Amino acid sequence: MDCITREGCKLVMNEVYEGEIEGFLNRAKIFFDQMPDPKLQTPLSEHSPLKK
């Protein structure tokens, strides 16, 4: 929430903000574009008990 509301926004109450919707959407897109691909998996160590 802080990443998306960091500029051009005013707090109304709790997690309710007012501001330019395009700004919210652009910042949200930039934030989520930085997340890793959820389909990628970290390889398991040969010593991992999770290895089958």
C-alpha atoms as a PDB file:
ATOM      1  CA  MET A   1       0.000   0.000   0.000  1.00  0.00           C
ATOM      2  CA  ASP A   2       2.789   2.425   0.901  1.00  0.00           C
ATOM      3  CA  CYS A   3       4.446   1.915  -2.471  1.00  0.00           C
ATOM      4  CA  ILE A   4       1.266   2.745  -4.377  1.00  0.00           C
ATOM      5  CA  THR A   5       0.240   5.711  -2.217  1.00  0.00           C
ATOM      6  CA  ARG A   6       3.683   7.265  -1.743  1.00  0.00           C
ATOM      7  CA  GLU A   7       3.017  10.393  -3.840  1.00  0.00           C
ATOM      8  CA  GLY A   8       0.056  12.445  -4.990  1.00  0.00           C
ATOM      9  CA  CYS A   9      -2.283  10.860  -2.433  1.00  0.00           C
ATOM     10  CA  LYS A  10      -4.076  11.926   0.719  1.00  0.00           C
ATOM     11  CA  LEU A  11      -5.081   9.602   3.510  1.00  0.00           C
ATOM     12  CA  VAL A  12      -8.824   9.573   4.169  1.00  0.00           C
ATOM     13  CA  MET A  13      -8.796   6.956   6.950  1.00  0.00           C
ATOM     14  CA  ASN A  14      -7.285   3.535   7.664  1.00  0.00           C
ATOM     15  CA  GLU A  15      -6.222   2.279   4.200  1.00  0.00           C
ATOM     16  CA  VAL A  16      -8.523   4.597   2.239  1.00  0.00           C
ATOM     17  CA  TYR A  17      -6.759   7.158   0.057  1.00  0.00           C
ATOM     18  CA  GLU A  18      -7.785   9.776  -2.447  1.00  0.00           C
ATOM     19  CA  GLY A  19      -5.683  10.716  -5.421  1.00  0.00           C
ATOM     20  CA  GLU A  20      -5.334  10.376  -9.153  1.00  0.00           C
ATOM     21  CA  ILE A  21      -6.404   6.853 -10.168  1.00  0.00           C
ATOM     22  CA  GLU A  22      -3.895   6.702 -13.037  1.00  0.00           C
ATOM     23  CA  GLY A  23      -1.112   7.400 -10.552  1.00  0.00           C
ATOM     24  CA  PHE A  24      -2.289   4.552  -8.305  1.00  0.00           C
ATOM     25  CA  LEU A  25      -2.452   2.185 -11.260  1.00  0.00           C
ATOM     26  CA  ASN A  26       0.936   3.175 -12.698  1.00  0.00           C
ATOM     27  CA  ARG A  27       2.709   2.768  -9.361  1.00  0.00           C
ATOM     28  CA  ALA A  28       0.970  -0.569  -8.749  1.00  0.00           C
ATOM     29  CA  LYS A  29       2.047  -1.830 -12.184  1.00  0.00           C
ATOM     30  CA  ILE A  30       5.660  -0.767 -11.586  1.00  0.00           C
ATOM     31  CA  PHE A  31       5.612  -2.450  -8.158  1.00  0.00           C
ATOM     32  CA  PHE A  32       4.131  -5.750  -9.356  1.00  0.00           C
ATOM     33  CA  ASP A  33       6.290  -5.848 -12.502  1.00  0.00           C
ATOM     34  CA  GLN A  34       9.304  -6.158 -10.184  1.00  0.00           C
ATOM     35  CA  MET A  35       7.983  -9.321  -8.564  1.00  0.00           C
ATOM     36  CA  PRO A  36       9.560 -12.603  -9.696  1.00  0.00           C
ATOM     37  CA  ASP A  37       7.661 -14.930 -12.003  1.00  0.00           C
ATOM     38  CA  PRO A  38       5.435 -17.058  -9.707  1.00  0.00           C
ATOM     39  CA  LYS A  39       6.038 -20.077 -11.986  1.00  0.00           C
ATOM     40  CA  LEU A  40       9.748 -20.080 -11.173  1.00  0.00           C
ATOM     41  CA  GLN A  41      10.834 -22.304  -8.317  1.00  0.00           C
ATOM     42  CA  THR A  42      13.996 -22.113  -6.268  1.00  0.00           C
ATOM     43  CA  PRO A  43      15.954 -25.333  -6.746  1.00  0.00           C
ATOM     44  CA  LEU A  44      16.148 -27.558  -3.698  1.00  0.00           C
ATOM     45  CA  SER A  45      19.456 -28.467  -2.128  1.00  0.00           C
ATOM     46  CA  GLU A  46      20.453 -32.104  -2.345  1.00  0.00           C
ATOM     47  CA  HIS A  47      20.261 -32.032   1.483  1.00  0.00           C
ATOM     48  CA  SER A  48      16.727 -30.682   1.632  1.00  0.00           C
ATOM     49  CA  PRO A  49      14.147 -32.869   3.392  1.00  0.00           C
ATOM     50  CA  LEU A  50      11.646 -31.507   0.870  1.00  0.00           C
ATOM     51  CA  LYS A  51      13.407 -33.280  -1.988  1.00  0.00           C
ATOM     52  CA  LYS A  52      11.498 -36.311  -3.183  1.00  0.00           C
END
